[in-house]
């Protein structure tokens, strides 16, 4: 059973929602909002945390002009907004407005 934008507030805090991108948005703002919501998936959080730890470990440090400089890696793009992308999302009140704003692009179900 799919959840509509009107029913998003009715979901209990802490409940897990399964979201699927039904139609990838063309607007950058909607794409960024969906990507931000995708990064809240526990498996994506773990991947991002591990990548951050490895970047810190592999940071290139060198001395130039009697100062220590750091050459940092760019962060990896863990999530991609594409048709059919599915992720689980723990519901909390702070993301309700974000979910409502992109509900037209998503299929939202209870996990």
N, C-alpha and C. Protein backbone atom coordinates (compact mmCIF):
# COMPACT_ATOMS: atom_id res chain seq x y z
N UNK A 1 0.84 -1.17 0.00
CA UNK A 1 0.00 0.00 0.00
C UNK A 1 0.89 1.24 0.00
N UNK A 2 0.68 2.10 -0.94
CA UNK A 2 1.49 3.30 -1.09
C UNK A 2 0.95 4.43 -0.19
N UNK A 3 1.86 5.22 0.34
CA UNK A 3 1.51 6.33 1.22
C UNK A 3 1.50 7.61 0.40
N UNK A 4 0.47 8.42 0.54
CA UNK A 4 0.39 9.69 -0.18
C UNK A 4 1.01 10.80 0.66
N UNK A 5 1.15 11.97 0.05
CA UNK A 5 1.75 13.12 0.74
C UNK A 5 0.93 13.53 1.95
N UNK A 6 -0.40 13.35 1.89
CA UNK A 6 -1.26 13.72 3.02
C UNK A 6 -1.07 12.79 4.22
N UNK A 7 -0.65 11.56 3.98
CA UNK A 7 -0.54 10.57 5.04
C UNK A 7 0.84 10.53 5.69
N UNK A 8 1.77 11.33 5.22
CA UNK A 8 3.14 11.27 5.74
C UNK A 8 3.19 11.65 7.22
N UNK A 9 2.41 12.66 7.63
CA UNK A 9 2.42 13.08 9.03
C UNK A 9 1.84 12.02 9.95
N UNK A 10 0.99 11.13 9.43
CA UNK A 10 0.33 10.13 10.25
C UNK A 10 1.25 8.99 10.64
N UNK A 11 2.41 8.86 10.00
CA UNK A 11 3.33 7.76 10.32
C UNK A 11 4.01 8.01 11.66
N UNK A 12 4.17 6.94 12.40
CA UNK A 12 4.75 7.02 13.73
C UNK A 12 6.25 7.31 13.63
N UNK A 13 6.74 8.06 14.58
CA UNK A 13 8.17 8.34 14.65
C UNK A 13 8.91 7.04 14.93
N UNK A 14 9.97 6.79 14.20
CA UNK A 14 10.74 5.57 14.36
C UNK A 14 10.31 4.45 13.43
N UNK A 15 9.19 4.62 12.76
CA UNK A 15 8.72 3.61 11.81
C UNK A 15 9.60 3.66 10.56
N UNK A 16 9.85 2.50 9.97
CA UNK A 16 10.69 2.44 8.79
C UNK A 16 9.83 2.50 7.54
N UNK A 17 10.21 3.39 6.62
CA UNK A 17 9.52 3.54 5.35
C UNK A 17 10.43 3.05 4.23
N UNK A 18 9.84 2.40 3.24
CA UNK A 18 10.60 1.99 2.06
C UNK A 18 10.22 2.94 0.93
N UNK A 19 11.21 3.65 0.42
CA UNK A 19 10.98 4.64 -0.63
C UNK A 19 11.62 4.15 -1.93
N UNK A 20 10.92 4.37 -3.03
CA UNK A 20 11.41 4.01 -4.36
C UNK A 20 11.22 5.20 -5.28
N UNK A 21 12.24 5.51 -6.06
CA UNK A 21 12.13 6.61 -7.01
C UNK A 21 11.30 6.12 -8.19
N UNK A 22 10.10 6.67 -8.35
CA UNK A 22 9.21 6.29 -9.44
C UNK A 22 9.58 7.04 -10.71
N UNK A 23 9.94 8.31 -10.56
CA UNK A 23 10.32 9.15 -11.70
C UNK A 23 11.41 10.10 -11.22
N UNK A 24 12.57 10.02 -11.83
CA UNK A 24 13.68 10.88 -11.42
C UNK A 24 13.37 12.33 -11.79
N UNK A 25 13.49 13.26 -10.84
CA UNK A 25 13.19 14.67 -11.14
C UNK A 25 14.28 15.30 -11.99
N UNK A 26 13.89 16.30 -12.76
CA UNK A 26 14.86 17.04 -13.56
C UNK A 26 15.38 18.26 -12.81
N UNK A 27 14.59 18.76 -11.87
CA UNK A 27 14.99 19.93 -11.10
C UNK A 27 16.09 19.55 -10.10
N UNK A 28 17.11 20.38 -10.01
CA UNK A 28 18.25 20.08 -9.13
C UNK A 28 17.84 20.06 -7.66
N UNK A 29 16.93 20.95 -7.26
CA UNK A 29 16.51 20.98 -5.86
C UNK A 29 15.85 19.68 -5.43
N UNK A 30 14.98 19.15 -6.26
CA UNK A 30 14.31 17.88 -5.94
C UNK A 30 15.30 16.72 -5.95
N UNK A 31 16.25 16.74 -6.87
CA UNK A 31 17.28 15.70 -6.90
C UNK A 31 18.12 15.73 -5.63
N UNK A 32 18.49 16.93 -5.19
CA UNK A 32 19.30 17.06 -3.98
C UNK A 32 18.52 16.61 -2.75
N UNK A 33 17.23 16.91 -2.70
CA UNK A 33 16.41 16.49 -1.57
C UNK A 33 16.31 14.97 -1.52
N UNK A 34 16.08 14.34 -2.65
CA UNK A 34 15.99 12.87 -2.68
C UNK A 34 17.33 12.26 -2.31
N UNK A 35 18.43 12.80 -2.81
CA UNK A 35 19.75 12.27 -2.46
C UNK A 35 20.01 12.41 -0.97
N UNK A 36 19.59 13.53 -0.38
CA UNK A 36 19.76 13.72 1.07
C UNK A 36 18.96 12.69 1.84
N UNK A 37 17.74 12.40 1.39
CA UNK A 37 16.92 11.38 2.05
C UNK A 37 17.53 9.99 1.87
N UNK A 38 18.12 9.73 0.71
CA UNK A 38 18.75 8.43 0.46
C UNK A 38 19.95 8.22 1.37
N UNK A 39 20.65 9.30 1.70
CA UNK A 39 21.81 9.17 2.58
C UNK A 39 21.44 8.85 4.02
N UNK A 40 20.15 8.90 4.36
CA UNK A 40 19.70 8.55 5.71
C UNK A 40 19.47 7.05 5.88
N UNK A 41 19.54 6.29 4.79
CA UNK A 41 19.41 4.83 4.87
C UNK A 41 20.56 4.29 5.72
N UNK A 42 20.28 3.41 6.69
CA UNK A 42 21.34 2.92 7.57
C UNK A 42 22.54 2.32 6.84
N UNK A 43 22.33 1.61 5.74
CA UNK A 43 23.46 1.04 5.01
C UNK A 43 24.28 2.13 4.33
N UNK A 44 23.61 3.18 3.83
CA UNK A 44 24.33 4.31 3.23
C UNK A 44 25.08 5.10 4.29
N UNK A 45 24.49 5.24 5.48
CA UNK A 45 25.17 5.94 6.58
C UNK A 45 26.46 5.21 6.93
N UNK A 46 26.38 3.88 6.97
CA UNK A 46 27.57 3.08 7.30
C UNK A 46 28.64 3.25 6.22
N UNK A 47 28.24 3.22 4.95
CA UNK A 47 29.20 3.40 3.85
C UNK A 47 29.86 4.77 3.89
N UNK A 48 29.06 5.81 4.17
CA UNK A 48 29.60 7.17 4.25
C UNK A 48 30.57 7.32 5.41
N UNK A 49 30.22 6.73 6.56
CA UNK A 49 31.09 6.81 7.73
C UNK A 49 32.41 6.08 7.48
N UNK A 50 32.34 4.91 6.84
CA UNK A 50 33.54 4.14 6.55
C UNK A 50 34.42 4.89 5.54
N UNK A 51 33.80 5.47 4.52
CA UNK A 51 34.57 6.21 3.52
C UNK A 51 35.25 7.42 4.15
N UNK A 52 34.55 8.09 5.07
CA UNK A 52 35.15 9.24 5.74
C UNK A 52 36.36 8.81 6.57
N UNK A 53 36.24 7.69 7.25
CA UNK A 53 37.34 7.18 8.06
C UNK A 53 38.53 6.83 7.18
N UNK A 54 38.28 6.17 6.04
CA UNK A 54 39.38 5.79 5.14
C UNK A 54 40.02 7.02 4.50
N UNK A 55 39.23 8.04 4.17
CA UNK A 55 39.81 9.27 3.61
C UNK A 55 40.75 9.93 4.62
N UNK A 56 40.35 9.93 5.88
CA UNK A 56 41.21 10.52 6.91
C UNK A 56 42.50 9.73 7.06
N UNK A 57 42.41 8.42 6.90
CA UNK A 57 43.60 7.58 7.03
C UNK A 57 44.55 7.75 5.84
N UNK A 58 43.98 7.98 4.66
CA UNK A 58 44.80 8.11 3.44
C UNK A 58 45.15 9.55 3.11
N UNK A 59 44.91 10.49 4.02
CA UNK A 59 45.16 11.89 3.74
C UNK A 59 46.66 12.12 3.53
N UNK A 60 46.99 12.79 2.42
CA UNK A 60 48.37 13.07 2.08
C UNK A 60 48.80 14.35 2.79
N UNK A 61 49.82 14.25 3.63
CA UNK A 61 50.35 15.39 4.37
C UNK A 61 51.75 15.70 3.87
N UNK A 62 52.00 16.96 3.60
CA UNK A 62 53.33 17.35 3.13
C UNK A 62 53.69 18.72 3.68
N UNK A 63 54.99 19.04 3.63
CA UNK A 63 55.48 20.31 4.15
C UNK A 63 55.90 21.18 2.98
N UNK A 64 55.38 22.41 2.99
CA UNK A 64 55.74 23.37 1.95
C UNK A 64 55.80 24.74 2.62
N UNK A 65 56.90 25.41 2.46
CA UNK A 65 57.07 26.72 3.08
C UNK A 65 57.07 26.63 4.60
N UNK A 66 57.62 25.55 5.13
CA UNK A 66 57.72 25.32 6.58
C UNK A 66 56.35 25.23 7.25
N UNK A 67 55.32 24.84 6.45
CA UNK A 67 53.98 24.61 6.99
C UNK A 67 53.50 23.24 6.58
N UNK A 68 52.65 22.66 7.37
CA UNK A 68 52.07 21.36 7.06
C UNK A 68 50.80 21.58 6.25
N UNK A 69 50.71 20.93 5.10
CA UNK A 69 49.55 21.02 4.22
C UNK A 69 48.94 19.64 4.06
N UNK A 70 47.65 19.62 3.78
CA UNK A 70 46.95 18.35 3.57
C UNK A 70 46.31 18.35 2.19
N UNK A 71 46.53 17.28 1.46
CA UNK A 71 45.88 17.08 0.17
C UNK A 71 44.76 16.06 0.40
N UNK A 72 43.53 16.53 0.36
CA UNK A 72 42.41 15.67 0.73
C UNK A 72 41.72 15.09 -0.50
N UNK A 73 41.26 13.86 -0.37
CA UNK A 73 40.47 13.21 -1.42
C UNK A 73 39.09 13.84 -1.48
N UNK A 74 38.48 13.77 -2.64
CA UNK A 74 37.09 14.20 -2.76
C UNK A 74 36.19 13.10 -2.22
N UNK A 75 35.08 13.48 -1.63
CA UNK A 75 34.15 12.51 -1.07
C UNK A 75 33.47 11.72 -2.19
N UNK A 76 33.26 10.44 -1.94
CA UNK A 76 32.61 9.57 -2.91
C UNK A 76 31.11 9.85 -2.95
N UNK A 77 30.52 9.66 -4.09
CA UNK A 77 29.07 9.78 -4.25
C UNK A 77 28.47 8.40 -4.01
N UNK A 78 27.92 8.20 -2.83
CA UNK A 78 27.41 6.88 -2.44
C UNK A 78 26.03 6.63 -3.04
N UNK A 79 25.21 7.65 -3.16
CA UNK A 79 23.84 7.48 -3.65
C UNK A 79 23.69 8.11 -5.04
N UNK A 80 22.80 7.51 -5.83
CA UNK A 80 22.47 8.02 -7.14
C UNK A 80 20.96 8.10 -7.27
N UNK A 81 20.45 9.23 -7.69
CA UNK A 81 19.01 9.38 -7.89
C UNK A 81 18.69 8.90 -9.30
N UNK A 82 18.07 7.72 -9.38
CA UNK A 82 17.71 7.14 -10.67
C UNK A 82 16.39 6.40 -10.50
N UNK A 83 15.70 6.18 -11.60
CA UNK A 83 14.44 5.45 -11.56
C UNK A 83 14.67 4.06 -10.97
N UNK A 84 13.82 3.67 -10.03
CA UNK A 84 13.90 2.35 -9.43
C UNK A 84 14.80 2.25 -8.21
N UNK A 85 15.51 3.30 -7.86
CA UNK A 85 16.38 3.26 -6.68
C UNK A 85 15.51 3.13 -5.43
N UNK A 86 15.82 2.17 -4.57
CA UNK A 86 15.03 1.88 -3.38
C UNK A 86 15.90 1.97 -2.14
N UNK A 87 15.33 2.51 -1.06
CA UNK A 87 16.06 2.58 0.20
C UNK A 87 15.06 2.60 1.34
N UNK A 88 15.54 2.21 2.53
CA UNK A 88 14.73 2.23 3.74
C UNK A 88 15.08 3.49 4.52
N UNK A 89 14.06 4.05 5.14
CA UNK A 89 14.22 5.35 5.78
C UNK A 89 13.53 5.33 7.14
N UNK A 90 14.27 5.53 8.24
CA UNK A 90 13.61 5.66 9.54
C UNK A 90 12.89 7.01 9.62
N UNK A 91 11.60 6.97 9.90
CA UNK A 91 10.78 8.19 9.90
C UNK A 91 11.03 9.01 11.16
N UNK A 92 11.19 10.32 10.98
CA UNK A 92 11.21 11.25 12.10
C UNK A 92 10.58 12.56 11.65
N UNK A 93 10.11 13.38 12.57
CA UNK A 93 9.37 14.59 12.20
C UNK A 93 10.18 15.59 11.38
N UNK A 94 11.49 15.58 11.49
CA UNK A 94 12.30 16.57 10.79
C UNK A 94 12.37 16.33 9.29
N UNK A 95 12.06 15.13 8.83
CA UNK A 95 12.12 14.87 7.39
C UNK A 95 10.75 14.84 6.73
N UNK A 96 9.68 15.07 7.50
CA UNK A 96 8.33 15.00 6.95
C UNK A 96 8.12 16.02 5.83
N UNK A 97 8.60 17.24 6.01
CA UNK A 97 8.43 18.27 4.97
C UNK A 97 9.22 17.93 3.71
N UNK A 98 10.43 17.35 3.88
CA UNK A 98 11.21 16.94 2.72
C UNK A 98 10.50 15.84 1.95
N UNK A 99 9.94 14.87 2.68
CA UNK A 99 9.20 13.80 2.01
C UNK A 99 7.98 14.33 1.27
N UNK A 100 7.28 15.29 1.87
CA UNK A 100 6.11 15.87 1.21
C UNK A 100 6.50 16.60 -0.07
N UNK A 101 7.64 17.28 -0.04
CA UNK A 101 8.04 18.08 -1.20
C UNK A 101 8.41 17.22 -2.40
N UNK A 102 8.88 16.00 -2.17
CA UNK A 102 9.28 15.12 -3.28
C UNK A 102 8.37 13.90 -3.41
N UNK A 103 7.23 13.90 -2.75
CA UNK A 103 6.32 12.75 -2.78
C UNK A 103 5.84 12.43 -4.19
N UNK A 104 5.77 13.41 -5.06
CA UNK A 104 5.35 13.16 -6.44
C UNK A 104 6.33 12.32 -7.24
N UNK A 105 7.57 12.27 -6.80
CA UNK A 105 8.60 11.50 -7.51
C UNK A 105 8.84 10.13 -6.87
N UNK A 106 8.27 9.89 -5.69
CA UNK A 106 8.55 8.69 -4.92
C UNK A 106 7.31 7.81 -4.75
N UNK A 107 7.56 6.53 -4.54
CA UNK A 107 6.56 5.60 -4.06
C UNK A 107 6.96 5.27 -2.63
N UNK A 108 6.14 5.61 -1.66
CA UNK A 108 6.49 5.44 -0.25
C UNK A 108 5.58 4.35 0.34
N UNK A 109 6.20 3.35 0.97
CA UNK A 109 5.46 2.25 1.59
C UNK A 109 6.00 2.01 2.99
N UNK A 110 5.22 1.33 3.81
CA UNK A 110 5.72 0.90 5.11
C UNK A 110 6.56 -0.34 4.90
N UNK A 111 7.75 -0.37 5.52
CA UNK A 111 8.66 -1.51 5.34
C UNK A 111 8.28 -2.66 6.24
